[in-house]
Amino acid sequence: MSLSGLSKVAVGGKDSRTDYISKPFNISFGHDHYKEELMQLKRVAVALATLHPPPDALVYRLHGVFRHGDELEGMSFTWMDENEALCQGRAKRASVELKNRWVDQVERSLHICHREGIIRGHAKAENILIDKDNNKLYKRVD
């Protein structure tokens, strides 16, 4: 399954398989760009991990990186089954109640992140994933 150039990868064996979203590094921006991206994602992960209790911010978190030989090739994020990017068509099909719920979730997530000094990414429709239960996860993997 692919979403906006992202692909699904499986890690582990038959009994302990976990699916992830794979996002390749955009090498055309240079190695410094992906190093900075990784450092930003690490700061997000550390900030969110140190909150007690853990935040209810729905933020897509970096799981790890993958490499080929000595070269870093990309990043992995936890997979969501049946995810779909928010788009005009999806928004038009949603009830007013559901749209209000999405707005509340995005607002709450951004508030928590900003309160913790996490200001990263673009709050735009393409960066909102809707899961099969009509919840959303704000993410920055583009």
C-alpha atoms as a PDB file:
ATOM      1  CA  MET A   1       0.000   0.000   0.000  1.00  0.00           C
ATOM      2  CA  SER A   2       1.332   3.451  -0.810  1.00  0.00           C
ATOM      3  CA  LEU A   3       0.318   6.925   0.335  1.00  0.00           C
ATOM      4  CA  SER A   4       1.881   9.993  -1.259  1.00  0.00           C
ATOM      5  CA  GLY A   5       5.080   8.179  -2.209  1.00  0.00           C
ATOM      6  CA  LEU A   6       5.306   6.345   1.104  1.00  0.00           C
ATOM      7  CA  SER A   7       5.362   2.582   1.250  1.00  0.00           C
ATOM      8  CA  LYS A   8       4.632  -0.160   3.758  1.00  0.00           C
ATOM      9  CA  VAL A   9       7.521  -2.283   5.026  1.00  0.00           C
ATOM     10  CA  ALA A  10       7.462  -5.235   7.412  1.00  0.00           C
ATOM     11  CA  VAL A  11      10.123  -5.713  10.083  1.00  0.00           C
ATOM     12  CA  GLY A  12      10.643  -8.914  12.038  1.00  0.00           C
ATOM     13  CA  GLY A  13       9.764 -12.527  11.569  1.00  0.00           C
ATOM     14  CA  LYS A  14       6.569 -14.425  10.987  1.00  0.00           C
ATOM     15  CA  ASP A  15       5.557 -14.359  14.667  1.00  0.00           C
ATOM     16  CA  SER A  16       6.694 -10.836  15.535  1.00  0.00           C
ATOM     17  CA  ARG A  17       6.114  -8.859  12.360  1.00  0.00           C
ATOM     18  CA  THR A  18       5.444  -5.122  12.655  1.00  0.00           C
ATOM     19  CA  ASP A  19       4.427  -2.907   9.753  1.00  0.00           C
ATOM     20  CA  TYR A  20       5.828   0.572   9.250  1.00  0.00           C
ATOM     21  CA  ILE A  21       5.533   3.444   6.812  1.00  0.00           C
ATOM     22  CA  SER A  22       8.797   3.876   4.971  1.00  0.00           C
ATOM     23  CA  LYS A  23       9.825   7.356   3.878  1.00  0.00           C
ATOM     24  CA  PRO A  24      13.023   7.581   1.820  1.00  0.00           C
ATOM     25  CA  PHE A  25      15.388  10.457   2.460  1.00  0.00           C
ATOM     26  CA  ASN A  26      15.299  13.064  -0.276  1.00  0.00           C
ATOM     27  CA  ILE A  27      18.996  12.958  -1.090  1.00  0.00           C
ATOM     28  CA  SER A  28      18.585  15.705  -3.692  1.00  0.00           C
ATOM     29  CA  PHE A  29      18.463  18.147  -0.750  1.00  0.00           C
ATOM     30  CA  GLY A  30      21.813  16.803   0.466  1.00  0.00           C
ATOM     31  CA  HIS A  31      22.952  14.815   3.469  1.00  0.00           C
ATOM     32  CA  ASP A  32      22.793  17.831   5.799  1.00  0.00           C
ATOM     33  CA  HIS A  33      19.056  18.105   5.109  1.00  0.00           C
ATOM     34  CA  TYR A  34      18.215  14.584   6.227  1.00  0.00           C
ATOM     35  CA  LYS A  35      20.541  14.850   9.222  1.00  0.00           C
ATOM     36  CA  GLU A  36      18.677  17.983  10.337  1.00  0.00           C
ATOM     37  CA  GLU A  37      15.344  16.233   9.728  1.00  0.00           C
ATOM     38  CA  LEU A  38      16.438  13.328  11.929  1.00  0.00           C
ATOM     39  CA  MET A  39      17.631  15.681  14.671  1.00  0.00           C
ATOM     40  CA  GLN A  40      14.282  17.501  14.627  1.00  0.00           C
ATOM     41  CA  LEU A  41      12.381  14.212  14.840  1.00  0.00           C
ATOM     42  CA  LYS A  42      14.626  13.090  17.700  1.00  0.00           C
ATOM     43  CA  ARG A  43      13.888  16.322  19.601  1.00  0.00           C
ATOM     44  CA  VAL A  44      10.160  15.689  19.094  1.00  0.00           C
ATOM     45  CA  ALA A  45      10.455  12.107  20.355  1.00  0.00           C
ATOM     46  CA  VAL A  46      12.481  13.125  23.423  1.00  0.00           C
ATOM     47  CA  ALA A  47      10.135  15.990  24.288  1.00  0.00           C
ATOM     48  CA  LEU A  48       7.031  13.819  23.998  1.00  0.00           C
ATOM     49  CA  ALA A  49       8.635  10.909  25.889  1.00  0.00           C
ATOM     50  CA  THR A  50       9.506  13.088  28.888  1.00  0.00           C
ATOM     51  CA  LEU A  51       5.942  14.275  29.457  1.00  0.00           C
ATOM     52  CA  HIS A  52       4.225  12.698  32.466  1.00  0.00           C
ATOM     53  CA  PRO A  53       1.648  11.378  31.805  1.00  0.00           C
ATOM     54  CA  PRO A  54       2.268  10.858  28.083  1.00  0.00           C
ATOM     55  CA  PRO A  55       0.414  13.395  25.977  1.00  0.00           C
ATOM     56  CA  ASP A  56      -2.777  12.641  24.149  1.00  0.00           C
ATOM     57  CA  ALA A  57      -1.326  14.556  21.217  1.00  0.00           C
ATOM     58  CA  LEU A  58      -1.904  12.542  18.081  1.00  0.00           C
ATOM     59  CA  VAL A  59       1.532  13.031  16.564  1.00  0.00           C
ATOM     60  CA  TYR A  60       3.169  10.656  14.152  1.00  0.00           C
ATOM     61  CA  ARG A  61       6.424   9.526  15.751  1.00  0.00           C
ATOM     62  CA  LEU A  62       9.621   8.330  14.146  1.00  0.00           C
ATOM     63  CA  HIS A  63      10.221   4.642  14.825  1.00  0.00           C
ATOM     64  CA  GLY A  64      13.678   4.264  13.304  1.00  0.00           C
ATOM     65  CA  VAL A  65      15.886   4.579  10.264  1.00  0.00           C
ATOM     66  CA  PHE A  66      16.953   2.065   7.686  1.00  0.00           C
ATOM     67  CA  ARG A  67      20.167   1.810   5.762  1.00  0.00           C
ATOM     68  CA  HIS A  68      21.787   0.004   2.885  1.00  0.00           C
ATOM     69  CA  GLY A  69      25.388  -0.744   3.761  1.00  0.00           C
ATOM     70  CA  ASP A  70      26.867   2.403   5.289  1.00  0.00           C
ATOM     71  CA  GLU A  71      24.292   4.756   3.762  1.00  0.00           C
ATOM     72  CA  LEU A  72      21.117   5.894   5.502  1.00  0.00           C
ATOM     73  CA  GLU A  73      18.222   5.445   3.103  1.00  0.00           C
ATOM     74  CA  GLY A  74      15.108   6.470   4.967  1.00  0.00           C
ATOM     75  CA  MET A  75      12.935   6.592   8.047  1.00  0.00           C
ATOM     76  CA  SER A  76      10.164   4.414   9.399  1.00  0.00           C
ATOM     77  CA  PHE A  77       6.974   5.477  11.150  1.00  0.00           C
ATOM     78  CA  THR A  78       4.295   3.279  12.716  1.00  0.00           C
ATOM     79  CA  TRP A  79       1.866   1.999  10.091  1.00  0.00           C
ATOM     80  CA  MET A  80      -1.855   2.779  10.236  1.00  0.00           C
ATOM     81  CA  ASP A  81      -4.150   0.300   8.496  1.00  0.00           C
ATOM     82  CA  GLU A  82      -6.523   1.800   5.960  1.00  0.00           C
ATOM     83  CA  ASN A  83      -5.136   5.299   6.314  1.00  0.00           C
ATOM     84  CA  GLU A  84      -6.095   8.100   4.001  1.00  0.00           C
ATOM     85  CA  ALA A  85      -4.818  11.646   3.722  1.00  0.00           C
ATOM     86  CA  LEU A  86      -7.346  14.342   4.449  1.00  0.00           C
ATOM     87  CA  CYS A  87      -8.509  15.820   1.167  1.00  0.00           C
ATOM     88  CA  GLN A  88     -11.458  17.810  -0.134  1.00  0.00           C
ATOM     89  CA  GLY A  89     -13.335  14.655  -1.124  1.00  0.00           C
ATOM     90  CA  ARG A  90     -12.851  13.043   2.286  1.00  0.00           C
ATOM     91  CA  ALA A  91     -13.827  16.266   4.063  1.00  0.00           C
ATOM     92  CA  LYS A  92     -16.991  16.627   1.948  1.00  0.00           C
ATOM     93  CA  ARG A  93     -18.080  13.075   2.875  1.00  0.00           C
ATOM     94  CA  ALA A  94     -17.585  13.698   6.607  1.00  0.00           C
ATOM     95  CA  SER A  95     -20.377  14.858   8.886  1.00  0.00           C
ATOM     96  CA  VAL A  96     -20.151  18.234  10.611  1.00  0.00           C
ATOM     97  CA  GLU A  97     -19.734  16.392  13.923  1.00  0.00           C
ATOM     98  CA  LEU A  98     -16.777  14.394  12.570  1.00  0.00           C
ATOM     99  CA  LYS A  99     -15.144  17.505  11.078  1.00  0.00           C
ATOM    100  CA  ASN A 100     -15.462  19.242  14.446  1.00  0.00           C
ATOM    101  CA  ARG A 101     -13.845  16.231  16.131  1.00  0.00           C
ATOM    102  CA  TRP A 102     -10.921  16.384  13.687  1.00  0.00           C
ATOM    103  CA  VAL A 103     -10.504  20.120  14.332  1.00  0.00           C
ATOM    104  CA  ASP A 104     -10.499  19.515  18.101  1.00  0.00           C
ATOM    105  CA  GLN A 105      -7.898  16.746  17.744  1.00  0.00           C
ATOM    106  CA  VAL A 106      -5.592  18.852  15.573  1.00  0.00           C
ATOM    107  CA  GLU A 107      -5.995  21.870  17.850  1.00  0.00           C
ATOM    108  CA  ARG A 108      -5.279  19.814  20.997  1.00  0.00           C
ATOM    109  CA  SER A 109      -2.277  18.104  19.408  1.00  0.00           C
ATOM    110  CA  LEU A 110      -0.769  21.374  18.186  1.00  0.00           C
ATOM    111  CA  HIS A 111      -1.357  22.999  21.588  1.00  0.00           C
ATOM    112  CA  ILE A 112       0.475  20.183  23.391  1.00  0.00           C
ATOM    113  CA  CYS A 113       3.357  20.238  20.921  1.00  0.00           C
ATOM    114  CA  HIS A 114       3.720  24.021  21.009  1.00  0.00           C
ATOM    115  CA  ARG A 115       3.506  24.045  24.816  1.00  0.00           C
ATOM    116  CA  GLU A 116       6.470  21.646  24.838  1.00  0.00           C
ATOM    117  CA  GLY A 117       8.441  23.752  22.358  1.00  0.00           C
ATOM    118  CA  ILE A 118       7.803  21.403  19.450  1.00  0.00           C
ATOM    119  CA  ILE A 119       7.177  23.535  16.410  1.00  0.00           C
ATOM    120  CA  ARG A 120       7.748  21.429  13.341  1.00  0.00           C
ATOM    121  CA  GLY A 121       6.057  20.560  10.109  1.00  0.00           C
ATOM    122  CA  HIS A 122       3.205  21.970   8.167  1.00  0.00           C
ATOM    123  CA  ALA A 123      -0.340  21.958   9.532  1.00  0.00           C
ATOM    124  CA  LYS A 124      -1.989  21.296   6.191  1.00  0.00           C
ATOM    125  CA  ALA A 125      -4.510  18.743   4.963  1.00  0.00           C
ATOM    126  CA  GLU A 126      -1.894  16.553   3.265  1.00  0.00           C
ATOM    127  CA  ASN A 127      -0.190  16.091   6.645  1.00  0.00           C
ATOM    128  CA  ILE A 128      -3.303  14.780   8.369  1.00  0.00           C
ATOM    129  CA  LEU A 129      -3.863  11.028   8.149  1.00  0.00           C
ATOM    130  CA  ILE A 130      -7.300   9.624   8.857  1.00  0.00           C
ATOM    131  CA  ASP A 131      -7.364   6.059  10.155  1.00  0.00           C
ATOM    132  CA  LYS A 132     -10.058   3.420   9.698  1.00  0.00           C
ATOM    133  CA  ASP A 133     -11.807   4.584  12.896  1.00  0.00           C
ATOM    134  CA  ASN A 134     -12.011   8.190  11.617  1.00  0.00           C
ATOM    135  CA  ASN A 135      -9.399   9.398  14.074  1.00  0.00           C
ATOM    136  CA  LYS A 136      -6.483  11.386  12.811  1.00  0.00           C
ATOM    137  CA  LEU A 137      -2.763  11.528  13.341  1.00  0.00           C
ATOM    138  CA  TYR A 138      -0.927  14.755  12.648  1.00  0.00           C
ATOM    139  CA  LYS A 139       2.276  13.843  10.935  1.00  0.00           C
ATOM    140  CA  ARG A 140       5.205  15.392   9.157  1.00  0.00           C
ATOM    141  CA  VAL A 141       6.718  12.834   6.845  1.00  0.00           C
ATOM    142  CA  ASP A 142       6.745  14.832   3.626  1.00  0.00           C
END
